[in-house]
N, C-alpha and C. Protein backbone atom coordinates (compact mmCIF):
# COMPACT_ATOMS: atom_id res chain seq x y z
N UNK A 1 -46.37 -36.84 116.14
CA UNK A 1 -46.03 -35.81 117.10
C UNK A 1 -44.83 -36.27 117.92
N UNK A 2 -43.85 -35.39 118.06
CA UNK A 2 -42.65 -35.72 118.80
C UNK A 2 -42.80 -35.20 120.23
N UNK A 3 -42.49 -36.03 121.19
CA UNK A 3 -42.63 -35.64 122.59
C UNK A 3 -41.29 -35.35 123.25
N UNK A 4 -40.26 -35.17 122.45
CA UNK A 4 -38.92 -34.95 123.00
C UNK A 4 -38.82 -33.61 123.70
N UNK A 5 -37.95 -33.58 124.69
CA UNK A 5 -37.64 -32.35 125.40
C UNK A 5 -36.13 -32.24 125.52
N UNK A 6 -35.65 -31.04 125.63
CA UNK A 6 -34.23 -30.81 125.84
C UNK A 6 -33.99 -30.73 127.34
N UNK A 7 -33.18 -31.67 127.85
CA UNK A 7 -32.91 -31.76 129.29
C UNK A 7 -31.43 -31.57 129.55
N UNK A 8 -31.10 -31.16 130.78
CA UNK A 8 -29.71 -31.13 131.19
C UNK A 8 -29.62 -31.69 132.61
N UNK A 9 -28.49 -32.30 132.89
CA UNK A 9 -28.25 -32.88 134.20
C UNK A 9 -27.58 -31.83 135.07
N UNK A 10 -28.21 -31.50 136.19
CA UNK A 10 -27.66 -30.50 137.10
C UNK A 10 -27.88 -30.97 138.52
N UNK A 11 -26.79 -31.12 139.25
CA UNK A 11 -26.90 -31.52 140.65
C UNK A 11 -27.50 -32.90 140.83
N UNK A 12 -27.28 -33.79 139.88
CA UNK A 12 -27.77 -35.15 140.01
C UNK A 12 -29.20 -35.36 139.55
N UNK A 13 -29.87 -34.31 139.07
CA UNK A 13 -31.24 -34.49 138.57
C UNK A 13 -31.38 -33.80 137.21
N UNK A 14 -32.33 -34.33 136.42
CA UNK A 14 -32.58 -33.80 135.10
C UNK A 14 -33.52 -32.61 135.17
N UNK A 15 -33.17 -31.54 134.44
CA UNK A 15 -34.01 -30.35 134.38
C UNK A 15 -34.38 -30.07 132.93
N UNK A 16 -35.63 -29.70 132.71
CA UNK A 16 -36.08 -29.36 131.37
C UNK A 16 -35.57 -27.98 130.99
N UNK A 17 -34.91 -27.91 129.83
CA UNK A 17 -34.48 -26.62 129.30
C UNK A 17 -35.55 -26.04 128.38
N UNK A 18 -36.02 -26.88 127.46
CA UNK A 18 -37.01 -26.39 126.49
C UNK A 18 -37.59 -27.56 125.73
N UNK A 19 -38.70 -27.29 125.08
CA UNK A 19 -39.26 -28.24 124.14
C UNK A 19 -38.86 -27.79 122.74
N UNK A 20 -38.35 -28.71 121.93
CA UNK A 20 -38.03 -28.34 120.55
C UNK A 20 -39.27 -27.87 119.81
N UNK A 21 -39.08 -27.22 118.68
CA UNK A 21 -40.23 -26.71 117.93
C UNK A 21 -41.25 -27.80 117.62
N UNK A 22 -42.51 -27.43 117.65
CA UNK A 22 -43.57 -28.41 117.39
C UNK A 22 -43.62 -28.73 115.90
N UNK A 23 -44.19 -29.88 115.60
CA UNK A 23 -44.36 -30.29 114.22
C UNK A 23 -43.19 -31.10 113.67
N UNK A 24 -42.13 -31.24 114.44
CA UNK A 24 -40.99 -32.02 113.98
C UNK A 24 -41.15 -33.45 114.47
N UNK A 25 -40.75 -34.39 113.63
CA UNK A 25 -40.94 -35.79 113.98
C UNK A 25 -39.66 -36.50 114.40
N UNK A 26 -38.54 -36.15 113.80
CA UNK A 26 -37.31 -36.87 114.08
C UNK A 26 -36.17 -35.90 114.30
N UNK A 27 -35.52 -36.04 115.43
CA UNK A 27 -34.33 -35.25 115.71
C UNK A 27 -33.12 -36.12 115.41
N UNK A 28 -32.36 -35.74 114.42
CA UNK A 28 -31.25 -36.55 113.96
C UNK A 28 -29.96 -36.28 114.72
N UNK A 29 -29.65 -35.02 114.97
CA UNK A 29 -28.35 -34.66 115.55
C UNK A 29 -28.51 -33.53 116.56
N UNK A 30 -27.60 -33.54 117.54
CA UNK A 30 -27.58 -32.50 118.57
C UNK A 30 -26.13 -32.20 118.90
N UNK A 31 -25.79 -30.92 119.01
CA UNK A 31 -24.47 -30.51 119.46
C UNK A 31 -24.65 -29.27 120.31
N UNK A 32 -23.92 -29.20 121.42
CA UNK A 32 -24.03 -28.05 122.31
C UNK A 32 -22.67 -27.70 122.89
N UNK A 33 -22.41 -26.41 123.01
CA UNK A 33 -21.22 -25.96 123.72
C UNK A 33 -21.57 -25.56 125.15
N UNK A 34 -22.87 -25.26 125.38
CA UNK A 34 -23.36 -24.91 126.71
C UNK A 34 -24.88 -25.00 126.70
N UNK A 35 -25.49 -24.76 127.85
CA UNK A 35 -26.95 -24.79 127.93
C UNK A 35 -27.58 -23.64 127.14
N UNK A 36 -26.78 -22.64 126.80
CA UNK A 36 -27.26 -21.48 126.05
C UNK A 36 -26.83 -21.50 124.59
N UNK A 37 -26.26 -22.60 124.15
CA UNK A 37 -25.80 -22.71 122.76
C UNK A 37 -25.97 -24.16 122.31
N UNK A 38 -27.18 -24.47 121.85
CA UNK A 38 -27.52 -25.83 121.45
C UNK A 38 -27.98 -25.81 120.00
N UNK A 39 -27.42 -26.70 119.18
CA UNK A 39 -27.81 -26.85 117.79
C UNK A 39 -28.53 -28.18 117.64
N UNK A 40 -29.66 -28.17 116.95
CA UNK A 40 -30.49 -29.35 116.76
C UNK A 40 -30.76 -29.54 115.28
N UNK A 41 -30.44 -30.71 114.77
CA UNK A 41 -30.72 -31.04 113.38
C UNK A 41 -31.88 -32.01 113.31
N UNK A 42 -32.88 -31.68 112.53
CA UNK A 42 -34.08 -32.51 112.41
C UNK A 42 -34.20 -33.04 110.99
N UNK A 43 -34.90 -34.16 110.87
CA UNK A 43 -35.15 -34.76 109.55
C UNK A 43 -36.54 -35.35 109.52
N UNK A 44 -37.48 -34.75 108.86
CA UNK A 44 -37.35 -33.46 108.20
C UNK A 44 -37.50 -32.33 109.22
N UNK A 45 -37.15 -31.14 108.81
CA UNK A 45 -37.30 -29.99 109.69
C UNK A 45 -36.22 -28.95 109.57
N UNK A 46 -34.97 -29.35 109.35
CA UNK A 46 -33.90 -28.37 109.20
C UNK A 46 -33.04 -28.21 110.43
N UNK A 47 -32.39 -27.08 110.53
CA UNK A 47 -31.44 -26.78 111.59
C UNK A 47 -32.01 -25.71 112.51
N UNK A 48 -31.88 -25.95 113.83
CA UNK A 48 -32.40 -25.02 114.82
C UNK A 48 -31.31 -24.69 115.83
N UNK A 49 -31.37 -23.45 116.37
CA UNK A 49 -30.44 -23.03 117.41
C UNK A 49 -31.24 -22.65 118.65
N UNK A 50 -30.76 -23.12 119.80
CA UNK A 50 -31.37 -22.80 121.09
C UNK A 50 -30.43 -21.86 121.83
N UNK A 51 -30.92 -20.69 122.25
CA UNK A 51 -30.09 -19.67 122.89
C UNK A 51 -30.24 -19.64 124.41
N UNK A 52 -30.85 -20.67 124.98
CA UNK A 52 -31.08 -20.71 126.41
C UNK A 52 -32.51 -20.37 126.76
N UNK A 53 -33.25 -19.79 125.80
CA UNK A 53 -34.64 -19.43 126.02
C UNK A 53 -35.56 -20.10 125.02
N UNK A 54 -35.23 -19.99 123.72
CA UNK A 54 -36.10 -20.57 122.71
C UNK A 54 -35.31 -21.06 121.50
N UNK A 55 -35.97 -21.94 120.74
CA UNK A 55 -35.40 -22.46 119.50
C UNK A 55 -35.75 -21.52 118.34
N UNK A 56 -34.78 -21.30 117.46
CA UNK A 56 -34.99 -20.52 116.26
C UNK A 56 -34.49 -21.32 115.08
N UNK A 57 -35.28 -21.37 114.02
CA UNK A 57 -34.83 -22.06 112.81
C UNK A 57 -33.73 -21.25 112.17
N UNK A 58 -32.64 -21.92 111.85
CA UNK A 58 -31.49 -21.25 111.25
C UNK A 58 -31.73 -21.09 109.75
N UNK A 59 -32.04 -19.89 109.32
CA UNK A 59 -32.49 -19.62 107.96
C UNK A 59 -31.51 -20.00 106.85
N UNK A 60 -30.20 -19.71 106.96
CA UNK A 60 -29.32 -20.04 105.83
C UNK A 60 -29.28 -21.52 105.47
N UNK A 61 -29.67 -22.39 106.38
CA UNK A 61 -29.67 -23.81 106.12
C UNK A 61 -31.11 -24.33 106.01
N UNK A 62 -32.07 -23.43 106.07
CA UNK A 62 -33.48 -23.84 106.11
C UNK A 62 -33.91 -24.64 104.89
N UNK A 63 -33.30 -24.39 103.74
CA UNK A 63 -33.71 -25.13 102.54
C UNK A 63 -33.25 -26.58 102.60
N UNK A 64 -32.27 -26.86 103.43
CA UNK A 64 -31.81 -28.23 103.61
C UNK A 64 -32.64 -28.86 104.72
N UNK A 65 -33.58 -29.68 104.35
CA UNK A 65 -34.58 -30.17 105.29
C UNK A 65 -34.09 -31.34 106.14
N UNK A 66 -33.19 -32.15 105.64
CA UNK A 66 -32.74 -33.34 106.35
C UNK A 66 -31.31 -33.16 106.86
N UNK A 67 -31.17 -32.85 108.12
CA UNK A 67 -29.85 -32.68 108.73
C UNK A 67 -29.39 -34.05 109.22
N UNK A 68 -28.33 -34.56 108.64
CA UNK A 68 -27.84 -35.90 108.98
C UNK A 68 -26.49 -35.88 109.67
N UNK A 69 -25.83 -34.72 109.69
CA UNK A 69 -24.51 -34.63 110.32
C UNK A 69 -24.39 -33.27 110.98
N UNK A 70 -23.79 -33.24 112.19
CA UNK A 70 -23.68 -31.99 112.93
C UNK A 70 -22.56 -32.13 113.95
N UNK A 71 -21.65 -31.18 113.96
CA UNK A 71 -20.60 -31.14 114.97
C UNK A 71 -20.13 -29.69 115.11
N UNK A 72 -19.65 -29.35 116.27
CA UNK A 72 -19.13 -28.01 116.50
C UNK A 72 -17.80 -28.08 117.22
N UNK A 73 -17.05 -27.00 117.12
CA UNK A 73 -15.76 -26.91 117.79
C UNK A 73 -15.70 -25.71 118.72
N UNK A 74 -16.68 -24.82 118.61
CA UNK A 74 -16.80 -23.64 119.47
C UNK A 74 -18.21 -23.10 119.28
N UNK A 75 -18.68 -22.26 120.17
CA UNK A 75 -20.03 -21.73 120.00
C UNK A 75 -20.23 -21.04 118.65
N UNK A 76 -19.16 -20.53 118.07
CA UNK A 76 -19.28 -19.80 116.80
C UNK A 76 -18.76 -20.60 115.60
N UNK A 77 -18.62 -21.93 115.72
CA UNK A 77 -18.07 -22.73 114.63
C UNK A 77 -18.71 -24.11 114.61
N UNK A 78 -19.72 -24.27 113.72
CA UNK A 78 -20.50 -25.50 113.65
C UNK A 78 -20.52 -25.98 112.19
N UNK A 79 -20.38 -27.30 112.01
CA UNK A 79 -20.44 -27.93 110.69
C UNK A 79 -21.74 -28.73 110.58
N UNK A 80 -22.40 -28.64 109.41
CA UNK A 80 -23.69 -29.29 109.19
C UNK A 80 -23.65 -30.04 107.86
N UNK A 81 -24.08 -31.29 107.87
CA UNK A 81 -24.22 -32.07 106.64
C UNK A 81 -25.69 -32.31 106.36
N UNK A 82 -26.12 -31.93 105.16
CA UNK A 82 -27.51 -32.10 104.76
C UNK A 82 -27.56 -32.38 103.27
N UNK A 83 -28.09 -33.52 102.92
CA UNK A 83 -28.11 -33.87 101.51
C UNK A 83 -26.69 -33.88 100.95
N UNK A 84 -26.51 -33.29 99.82
CA UNK A 84 -25.19 -33.22 99.19
C UNK A 84 -24.38 -32.00 99.57
N UNK A 85 -24.75 -31.36 100.66
CA UNK A 85 -24.03 -30.14 101.08
C UNK A 85 -23.42 -30.34 102.47
N UNK A 86 -22.18 -29.88 102.61
CA UNK A 86 -21.51 -29.80 103.90
C UNK A 86 -21.29 -28.32 104.14
N UNK A 87 -21.87 -27.80 105.22
CA UNK A 87 -21.86 -26.36 105.46
C UNK A 87 -21.17 -26.03 106.77
N UNK A 88 -20.52 -24.89 106.79
CA UNK A 88 -19.88 -24.40 108.01
C UNK A 88 -20.57 -23.10 108.42
N UNK A 89 -21.00 -23.06 109.67
CA UNK A 89 -21.66 -21.88 110.23
C UNK A 89 -20.67 -21.24 111.20
N UNK A 90 -20.25 -20.02 110.89
CA UNK A 90 -19.31 -19.30 111.76
C UNK A 90 -19.90 -17.96 112.14
N UNK A 91 -19.86 -17.65 113.41
CA UNK A 91 -20.39 -16.38 113.92
C UNK A 91 -21.81 -16.12 113.44
N UNK A 92 -22.63 -17.19 113.41
CA UNK A 92 -24.02 -17.06 113.05
C UNK A 92 -24.31 -16.95 111.57
N UNK A 93 -23.27 -17.03 110.73
CA UNK A 93 -23.46 -16.90 109.29
C UNK A 93 -22.94 -18.14 108.59
N UNK A 94 -23.55 -18.47 107.46
CA UNK A 94 -23.06 -19.56 106.64
C UNK A 94 -21.78 -19.07 105.96
N UNK A 95 -20.63 -19.61 106.40
CA UNK A 95 -19.37 -19.10 105.88
C UNK A 95 -18.81 -19.93 104.74
N UNK A 96 -19.10 -21.21 104.71
CA UNK A 96 -18.60 -22.07 103.65
C UNK A 96 -19.64 -23.13 103.36
N UNK A 97 -19.78 -23.48 102.10
CA UNK A 97 -20.66 -24.57 101.71
C UNK A 97 -19.97 -25.36 100.62
N UNK A 98 -19.90 -26.65 100.83
CA UNK A 98 -19.31 -27.55 99.86
C UNK A 98 -20.43 -28.39 99.29
N UNK A 99 -20.50 -28.46 97.98
CA UNK A 99 -21.55 -29.21 97.32
C UNK A 99 -20.93 -30.39 96.59
N UNK A 100 -21.43 -31.58 96.89
CA UNK A 100 -20.95 -32.78 96.23
C UNK A 100 -21.70 -32.97 94.92
N UNK A 101 -21.17 -33.85 94.09
CA UNK A 101 -21.84 -34.14 92.83
C UNK A 101 -23.20 -34.77 93.09
N UNK A 102 -24.02 -34.76 92.07
CA UNK A 102 -25.38 -35.30 92.15
C UNK A 102 -25.40 -36.70 92.76
N UNK A 103 -26.30 -36.93 93.69
CA UNK A 103 -26.47 -38.26 94.26
C UNK A 103 -25.72 -38.51 95.54
N UNK A 104 -24.83 -37.60 95.95
CA UNK A 104 -24.10 -37.76 97.21
C UNK A 104 -24.96 -37.26 98.37
N UNK A 105 -24.76 -37.85 99.53
CA UNK A 105 -25.45 -37.39 100.73
C UNK A 105 -24.49 -37.48 101.91
N UNK A 106 -24.27 -36.35 102.60
CA UNK A 106 -23.40 -36.34 103.78
C UNK A 106 -24.16 -36.94 104.96
N UNK A 107 -23.53 -37.88 105.65
CA UNK A 107 -24.20 -38.57 106.75
C UNK A 107 -23.43 -38.53 108.06
N UNK A 108 -22.23 -37.99 108.06
CA UNK A 108 -21.45 -37.90 109.28
C UNK A 108 -20.42 -36.81 109.19
N UNK A 109 -20.15 -36.15 110.30
CA UNK A 109 -19.08 -35.15 110.36
C UNK A 109 -18.50 -35.19 111.77
N UNK A 110 -17.18 -35.13 111.87
CA UNK A 110 -16.49 -35.18 113.15
C UNK A 110 -15.10 -34.61 112.94
N UNK A 111 -14.33 -34.45 113.99
CA UNK A 111 -12.98 -33.94 113.85
C UNK A 111 -12.37 -33.58 115.18
N UNK A 112 -11.09 -33.21 115.14
CA UNK A 112 -10.39 -32.83 116.36
C UNK A 112 -10.36 -31.33 116.55
N UNK A 113 -10.75 -30.57 115.53
CA UNK A 113 -10.76 -29.12 115.62
C UNK A 113 -11.18 -28.51 114.30
N UNK A 114 -11.29 -27.18 114.24
CA UNK A 114 -11.81 -26.52 113.05
C UNK A 114 -10.95 -26.69 111.80
N UNK A 115 -9.69 -27.07 111.96
CA UNK A 115 -8.81 -27.29 110.81
C UNK A 115 -8.51 -28.77 110.59
N UNK A 116 -9.31 -29.64 111.20
CA UNK A 116 -9.16 -31.08 111.02
C UNK A 116 -10.55 -31.70 111.11
N UNK A 117 -11.33 -31.51 110.04
CA UNK A 117 -12.71 -31.95 110.01
C UNK A 117 -12.83 -33.09 109.01
N UNK A 118 -13.49 -34.15 109.43
CA UNK A 118 -13.72 -35.31 108.59
C UNK A 118 -15.21 -35.48 108.38
N UNK A 119 -15.61 -35.84 107.18
CA UNK A 119 -17.01 -36.07 106.87
C UNK A 119 -17.14 -37.34 106.06
N UNK A 120 -18.29 -37.98 106.17
CA UNK A 120 -18.58 -39.16 105.36
C UNK A 120 -19.81 -38.89 104.52
N UNK A 121 -19.77 -39.42 103.33
CA UNK A 121 -20.93 -39.31 102.44
C UNK A 121 -21.10 -40.62 101.71
N UNK A 122 -22.27 -40.81 101.15
CA UNK A 122 -22.50 -41.99 100.32
C UNK A 122 -23.14 -41.54 99.03
N UNK A 123 -23.01 -42.36 98.03
CA UNK A 123 -23.61 -42.09 96.73
C UNK A 123 -24.39 -43.33 96.31
N UNK A 124 -25.60 -43.10 95.86
CA UNK A 124 -26.42 -44.21 95.40
C UNK A 124 -27.41 -44.65 96.46
N UNK A 125 -28.53 -45.16 96.03
CA UNK A 125 -29.59 -45.56 96.94
C UNK A 125 -29.25 -46.73 97.83
N UNK A 126 -28.26 -47.55 97.43
CA UNK A 126 -27.94 -48.72 98.25
C UNK A 126 -26.98 -48.38 99.39
N UNK A 127 -26.40 -47.15 99.38
CA UNK A 127 -25.49 -46.75 100.45
C UNK A 127 -24.18 -47.50 100.46
N UNK A 128 -23.88 -48.21 99.39
CA UNK A 128 -22.66 -49.01 99.36
C UNK A 128 -21.45 -48.25 98.86
N UNK A 129 -21.64 -47.09 98.27
CA UNK A 129 -20.53 -46.29 97.76
C UNK A 129 -20.25 -45.17 98.75
N UNK A 130 -19.34 -45.43 99.69
CA UNK A 130 -19.05 -44.51 100.79
C UNK A 130 -17.76 -43.74 100.52
N UNK A 131 -17.74 -42.49 100.95
CA UNK A 131 -16.59 -41.63 100.73
C UNK A 131 -16.21 -40.95 102.04
N UNK A 132 -14.92 -40.71 102.19
CA UNK A 132 -14.38 -40.01 103.36
C UNK A 132 -13.79 -38.69 102.85
N UNK A 133 -14.20 -37.60 103.48
CA UNK A 133 -13.73 -36.26 103.09
C UNK A 133 -12.94 -35.67 104.25
N UNK A 134 -11.96 -34.83 103.91
CA UNK A 134 -11.17 -34.18 104.95
C UNK A 134 -11.04 -32.70 104.63
N UNK A 135 -11.27 -31.86 105.64
CA UNK A 135 -11.04 -30.42 105.54
C UNK A 135 -9.82 -30.12 106.39
N UNK A 136 -8.79 -29.56 105.78
CA UNK A 136 -7.52 -29.30 106.46
C UNK A 136 -7.33 -27.85 106.88
N UNK A 137 -8.39 -27.08 106.87
CA UNK A 137 -8.31 -25.67 107.20
C UNK A 137 -8.35 -24.80 105.97
N UNK A 138 -8.08 -25.40 104.81
CA UNK A 138 -8.08 -24.67 103.55
C UNK A 138 -9.00 -25.34 102.53
N UNK A 139 -8.80 -26.64 102.32
CA UNK A 139 -9.53 -27.37 101.28
C UNK A 139 -10.29 -28.55 101.85
N UNK A 140 -11.41 -28.87 101.20
CA UNK A 140 -12.13 -30.10 101.47
C UNK A 140 -11.87 -31.03 100.30
N UNK A 141 -11.38 -32.22 100.57
CA UNK A 141 -11.07 -33.16 99.50
C UNK A 141 -11.48 -34.56 99.91
N UNK A 142 -11.65 -35.44 98.91
CA UNK A 142 -11.94 -36.84 99.20
C UNK A 142 -10.64 -37.50 99.61
N UNK A 143 -10.65 -38.09 100.80
CA UNK A 143 -9.45 -38.71 101.36
C UNK A 143 -9.34 -40.15 100.89
N UNK A 144 -8.12 -40.65 100.76
CA UNK A 144 -7.94 -42.05 100.33
C UNK A 144 -8.38 -43.02 101.43
N UNK A 145 -8.64 -44.24 101.04
CA UNK A 145 -9.07 -45.27 101.98
C UNK A 145 -10.48 -45.72 101.65
N UNK A 146 -10.91 -46.76 102.31
CA UNK A 146 -12.25 -47.27 102.09
C UNK A 146 -13.04 -47.15 103.37
N UNK A 147 -14.33 -47.14 103.23
CA UNK A 147 -15.22 -47.05 104.39
C UNK A 147 -16.20 -48.21 104.34
N UNK A 148 -16.60 -48.62 105.52
CA UNK A 148 -17.68 -49.60 105.60
C UNK A 148 -18.63 -49.17 106.70
N UNK A 149 -19.86 -49.59 106.61
CA UNK A 149 -20.87 -49.20 107.59
C UNK A 149 -21.39 -50.45 108.29
N UNK A 150 -21.45 -50.37 109.62
CA UNK A 150 -22.02 -51.46 110.41
C UNK A 150 -23.01 -50.86 111.38
N UNK A 151 -24.28 -51.10 111.14
CA UNK A 151 -25.33 -50.60 112.02
C UNK A 151 -25.26 -49.09 112.23
N UNK A 152 -24.92 -48.33 111.20
CA UNK A 152 -24.89 -46.88 111.31
C UNK A 152 -23.60 -46.34 111.88
N UNK A 153 -22.71 -47.20 112.36
CA UNK A 153 -21.43 -46.72 112.85
C UNK A 153 -20.44 -46.77 111.69
N UNK A 154 -19.70 -45.70 111.51
CA UNK A 154 -18.78 -45.65 110.39
C UNK A 154 -17.39 -46.01 110.85
N UNK A 155 -16.76 -46.89 110.09
CA UNK A 155 -15.40 -47.30 110.41
C UNK A 155 -14.56 -47.11 109.15
N UNK A 156 -13.30 -46.98 109.32
CA UNK A 156 -12.44 -46.80 108.16
C UNK A 156 -11.35 -47.84 108.14
N UNK A 157 -10.89 -48.13 106.95
CA UNK A 157 -9.72 -48.97 106.78
C UNK A 157 -8.89 -48.35 105.69
N UNK A 158 -7.60 -48.23 105.92
CA UNK A 158 -6.75 -47.63 104.90
C UNK A 158 -5.43 -48.34 104.85
C-alpha cells in the first residue's frame, strides 16, 4: 500500500492537494504545470492526470503499465516513456507514438522545449546498451554519442 500524497508548498507550509489513486505501489515520475495540471506516472499503474480535484487514469496510455519517463512543456504538451514506446500527449489526446525495436525501454525524457526533446532508452536486460534519441520538431532519431549510467543519473559523452 502506498501512503504518498500530493502536496504543494503555499505560504511556507505544505498543503495536501490529493491522494493518488489507491492500489498503486510505486510512483515513478511527476510533472506539473500548475496545481490544476499534474501528471503522475506509476510503475505499475500507468499514467494519471490530476485536474485540481481528482486523479483520472489517462486511457490512451493505459496499456503501458510502467511509466519510466515523463516531461512536459505546457499544460497541453506532455511526453511519456513507457516500455518501448515514447508518446506525446497534446491537448488531451495521444498525438504521436514512437515505437522502438523489440527489447528497447525508454527510461528518460527531457528537453528545452517541444521541438527539442531528448530521450534515453536501453536495450537488453543488463542495461548496458544505452541510446540517446532526439526529436527536432519533425523526426525522432537516434543521436550520435555514447551514454553511461551512474546511479540512475544519465550522462552523455560525445
